């Protein structure tokens, strides 16, 4: 269960772990924002509940179901704008099946942005081969502005991660990324995603990422 934290919440007594969305006072790490608390062996960070993702038609996104309504689901897409998934836009809908048996509050899905009306009401669809319910694997979150760097030119960075680690990866344009595969390799892929996010502005990143992955794999097998 991912924990929601508020500004000022105490997160750790180890200031060396302070990461994005935190601040240090004395020897303690506190949350700077409202968001999702996330901890690894190397850092603590707080992921904002609302990012600055502005949806565009055709975008692949990863969303979290926030409400089940009579004709579909309201979905958080890490944006100031909530999205709506109509029953008619999911292949999982079957006659006689209750909506909360298909997707319930807290479920994660991969979907596509189908339409946006002038009032910024976003409608999404799951009628695409990439779309699915996320029932296993791991979701990580980054700044949506860093998504192009994670994908790389003509998908080069994604291809590198997949070929080196043999993991499934779907990058949502809204900054949420799904990783699936061997647990240890997924852990390396998560580190790689955060490395790209932190160093997106630097030159030679693809080479450094390749070297980082090989080094981390050697540590695991050594």
Protein backbone atom coordinates (compact mmCIF):
# COMPACT_ATOMS: atom_id res chain seq x y z
CA UNK A 1 0.00 0.00 0.00
CA UNK A 2 1.46 3.35 -0.98
CA UNK A 3 1.23 5.91 1.78
CA UNK A 4 -0.07 9.46 1.26
CA UNK A 5 1.88 12.09 3.20
CA UNK A 6 1.23 15.77 3.97
CA UNK A 7 3.59 18.76 4.11
CA UNK A 8 5.59 18.62 7.33
CA UNK A 9 5.16 14.88 7.90
CA UNK A 10 8.29 13.25 9.33
CA UNK A 11 9.69 10.72 6.85
CA UNK A 12 13.13 9.72 8.16
CA UNK A 13 15.89 10.48 10.63
CA UNK A 14 18.56 9.92 7.96
CA UNK A 15 19.15 13.16 6.03
CA UNK A 16 21.26 11.32 3.42
CA UNK A 17 18.05 9.75 2.07
CA UNK A 18 16.35 13.09 1.31
CA UNK A 19 15.09 13.20 -2.28
CA UNK A 20 12.52 14.92 -4.48
CA UNK A 21 9.57 16.45 -2.60
CA UNK A 22 11.35 16.46 0.78
CA UNK A 23 13.36 18.86 2.93
CA UNK A 24 15.81 18.45 5.79
CA UNK A 25 15.59 20.23 9.12
CA UNK A 26 18.14 19.28 11.76
CA UNK A 27 18.78 15.59 11.14
CA UNK A 28 15.25 14.81 10.02
CA UNK A 29 13.62 14.51 6.59
CA UNK A 30 10.12 15.95 6.11
CA UNK A 31 7.64 15.99 3.27
CA UNK A 32 7.54 19.27 1.33
CA UNK A 33 4.30 18.48 -0.51
CA UNK A 34 1.13 16.40 -0.48
CA UNK A 35 1.95 13.21 -2.34
CA UNK A 36 2.83 9.52 -2.34
CA UNK A 37 5.66 8.47 -0.05
CA UNK A 38 8.24 6.24 -1.73
CA UNK A 39 11.41 4.76 -0.22
CA UNK A 40 14.25 2.70 -1.64
CA UNK A 41 17.58 1.69 -0.08
CA UNK A 42 19.13 4.88 -1.44
CA UNK A 43 16.55 7.66 -1.13
CA UNK A 44 13.15 8.84 0.01
CA UNK A 45 10.94 10.91 -2.25
CA UNK A 46 7.39 12.23 -2.36
CA UNK A 47 5.58 12.03 -5.69
CA UNK A 48 3.08 14.87 -6.22
CA UNK A 49 -0.49 13.71 -6.51
CA UNK A 50 -1.05 16.26 -9.26
CA UNK A 51 1.54 16.92 -11.91
CA UNK A 52 1.56 19.34 -14.81
CA UNK A 53 0.67 16.86 -17.51
CA UNK A 54 -1.50 18.45 -20.17
CA UNK A 55 -3.32 15.71 -22.09
CA UNK A 56 -3.27 15.43 -25.87
CA UNK A 57 -5.40 13.14 -28.03
CA UNK A 58 -3.52 9.92 -28.78
CA UNK A 59 -1.35 10.01 -25.65
CA UNK A 60 -0.71 6.74 -23.85
CA UNK A 61 -1.33 7.30 -20.13
CA UNK A 62 -1.35 5.31 -16.92
CA UNK A 63 -4.24 6.21 -14.66
CA UNK A 64 -5.65 5.30 -11.25
CA UNK A 65 -9.40 4.74 -10.88
CA UNK A 66 -10.78 7.28 -8.42
CA UNK A 67 -14.54 6.75 -8.75
CA UNK A 68 -16.96 4.18 -10.16
CA UNK A 69 -20.03 5.87 -11.69
CA UNK A 70 -23.12 4.57 -13.47
CA UNK A 71 -21.62 4.56 -16.98
CA UNK A 72 -17.89 4.24 -16.40
CA UNK A 73 -14.97 5.33 -14.25
CA UNK A 74 -13.37 8.63 -13.26
CA UNK A 75 -9.61 8.26 -13.52
CA UNK A 76 -6.72 10.26 -12.04
CA UNK A 77 -4.19 10.81 -14.83
CA UNK A 78 -1.63 12.84 -12.84
CA UNK A 79 -3.00 16.05 -14.32
CA UNK A 80 -5.08 19.03 -13.21
CA UNK A 81 -7.80 17.39 -15.34
CA UNK A 82 -9.53 14.15 -14.42
CA UNK A 83 -10.30 11.64 -17.16
CA UNK A 84 -13.41 9.56 -17.82
CA UNK A 85 -13.37 5.97 -19.11
CA UNK A 86 -16.80 5.02 -20.51
CA UNK A 87 -17.98 1.41 -20.16
CA UNK A 88 -18.18 1.22 -23.97
CA UNK A 89 -14.42 1.92 -24.23
CA UNK A 90 -13.15 -1.13 -22.35
CA UNK A 91 -13.08 -4.64 -23.84
CA UNK A 92 -13.36 -6.06 -20.30
CA UNK A 93 -16.99 -4.93 -20.01
CA UNK A 94 -19.40 -7.86 -20.29
CA UNK A 95 -23.21 -8.02 -19.96
CA UNK A 96 -24.23 -8.61 -16.35
CA UNK A 97 -20.78 -7.72 -14.99
CA UNK A 98 -20.81 -4.98 -12.34
CA UNK A 99 -18.56 -2.02 -13.04
CA UNK A 100 -16.62 -2.38 -9.78
CA UNK A 101 -15.89 -5.99 -10.75
CA UNK A 102 -14.17 -4.71 -13.87
CA UNK A 103 -12.24 -1.81 -12.29
CA UNK A 104 -12.53 -0.62 -8.71
CA UNK A 105 -11.20 2.39 -6.85
CA UNK A 106 -7.40 2.28 -6.71
CA UNK A 107 -6.99 0.04 -9.77
CA UNK A 108 -4.34 1.10 -12.28
CA UNK A 109 -4.88 1.01 -16.04
CA UNK A 110 -2.99 1.75 -19.25
CA UNK A 111 -5.23 3.73 -21.59
CA UNK A 112 -5.19 6.17 -24.51
CA UNK A 113 -6.56 9.71 -24.60
CA UNK A 114 -9.49 9.53 -27.01
CA UNK A 115 -10.95 13.05 -26.89
CA UNK A 116 -10.77 16.37 -25.06
CA UNK A 117 -13.68 18.79 -25.20
CA UNK A 118 -13.35 22.62 -25.02
CA UNK A 119 -13.94 22.49 -21.25
CA UNK A 120 -10.97 20.10 -20.87
CA UNK A 121 -13.12 17.08 -20.13
CA UNK A 122 -10.83 14.19 -21.03
CA UNK A 123 -12.24 10.89 -22.33
CA UNK A 124 -9.96 7.85 -22.48
CA UNK A 125 -10.23 4.46 -24.16
CA UNK A 126 -8.76 1.00 -23.62
CA UNK A 127 -9.46 -0.18 -27.18
CA UNK A 128 -5.82 -0.38 -28.20
CA UNK A 129 -3.35 -3.27 -28.05
CA UNK A 130 -1.11 -1.46 -25.55
CA UNK A 131 -4.00 -0.88 -23.13
CA UNK A 132 -4.61 -3.17 -20.16
CA UNK A 133 -5.42 -3.34 -16.48
CA UNK A 134 -2.23 -3.32 -14.39
CA UNK A 135 -2.53 -6.25 -11.99
CA UNK A 136 1.17 -6.93 -11.42
CA UNK A 137 4.54 -5.24 -11.90
CA UNK A 138 5.52 -1.83 -10.58
CA UNK A 139 4.50 1.74 -11.34
CA UNK A 140 7.03 4.55 -10.94
CA UNK A 141 6.39 8.26 -11.30
CA UNK A 142 8.55 11.00 -12.81
CA UNK A 143 8.14 14.58 -13.94
CA UNK A 144 6.05 14.39 -17.15
CA UNK A 145 8.46 16.84 -18.79
CA UNK A 146 11.18 14.14 -18.58
CA UNK A 147 9.13 11.50 -20.45
CA UNK A 148 10.70 12.23 -23.91
CA UNK A 149 14.17 11.63 -22.42
CA UNK A 150 13.08 8.30 -20.92
CA UNK A 151 11.76 7.24 -24.32
CA UNK A 152 14.82 8.56 -26.20
CA UNK A 153 15.22 9.45 -29.87
CA UNK A 154 13.10 7.00 -31.90
CA UNK A 155 12.60 4.97 -28.71
CA UNK A 156 16.35 4.38 -28.27
CA UNK A 157 16.41 4.62 -24.46
CA UNK A 158 13.44 2.28 -24.03
CA UNK A 159 15.03 -0.22 -26.43
CA UNK A 160 18.26 -0.08 -24.41
CA UNK A 161 16.48 -0.75 -21.11
CA UNK A 162 14.41 -3.59 -22.60
CA UNK A 163 17.35 -5.29 -24.32
CA UNK A 164 19.71 -5.03 -21.34
CA UNK A 165 17.20 -6.03 -18.66
CA UNK A 166 14.55 -8.08 -20.51
CA UNK A 167 11.68 -6.23 -18.81
CA UNK A 168 8.33 -4.96 -20.03
CA UNK A 169 8.03 -1.19 -19.90
CA UNK A 170 5.18 1.13 -20.84
CA UNK A 171 5.85 4.86 -20.52
CA UNK A 172 2.79 7.02 -19.94
CA UNK A 173 3.00 10.55 -21.34
CA UNK A 174 1.64 11.64 -17.95
CA UNK A 175 4.83 10.63 -16.12
CA UNK A 176 3.71 7.24 -14.81
CA UNK A 177 5.72 4.24 -16.03
CA UNK A 178 4.85 0.54 -15.73
CA UNK A 179 7.67 -1.96 -15.27
CA UNK A 180 7.26 -5.74 -15.20
CA UNK A 181 9.58 -8.74 -15.18
CA UNK A 182 12.18 -10.33 -12.91
CA UNK A 183 12.04 -8.51 -9.58
CA UNK A 184 15.76 -7.71 -9.46
CA UNK A 185 15.83 -6.46 -13.05
CA UNK A 186 12.73 -4.33 -12.46
CA UNK A 187 14.53 -2.77 -9.47
CA UNK A 188 17.45 -1.83 -11.75
CA UNK A 189 15.03 -0.45 -14.37
CA UNK A 190 13.43 1.73 -11.69
CA UNK A 191 16.83 3.12 -10.72
CA UNK A 192 17.54 3.78 -14.40
CA UNK A 193 14.29 5.72 -14.84
CA UNK A 194 15.14 7.96 -11.87
CA UNK A 195 18.70 8.42 -13.17
CA UNK A 196 17.35 9.59 -16.53
CA UNK A 197 14.92 11.94 -14.78
CA UNK A 198 17.72 13.49 -12.71
CA UNK A 199 20.21 13.80 -15.59
CA UNK A 200 17.82 14.48 -18.50
CA UNK A 201 19.59 17.75 -19.33
CA UNK A 202 23.06 16.21 -19.71
CA UNK A 203 24.99 14.97 -22.75
CA UNK A 204 26.00 11.34 -23.30
CA UNK A 205 23.16 10.04 -21.17
CA UNK A 206 22.46 6.91 -23.25
CA UNK A 207 26.04 5.69 -22.87
CA UNK A 208 25.99 6.37 -19.12
CA UNK A 209 22.68 4.54 -18.73
CA UNK A 210 24.06 1.50 -20.57
CA UNK A 211 27.15 1.51 -18.35
CA UNK A 212 25.01 1.96 -15.21
CA UNK A 213 22.80 -1.03 -16.12
CA UNK A 214 25.77 -3.30 -16.81
CA UNK A 215 27.43 -2.25 -13.57
CA UNK A 216 24.27 -2.90 -11.53
CA UNK A 217 23.79 -6.31 -13.20
CA UNK A 218 27.38 -7.24 -12.32
CA UNK A 219 26.77 -6.28 -8.68
CA UNK A 220 23.69 -8.51 -8.56
CA UNK A 221 25.46 -11.50 -10.12
CA UNK A 222 28.82 -10.97 -8.47
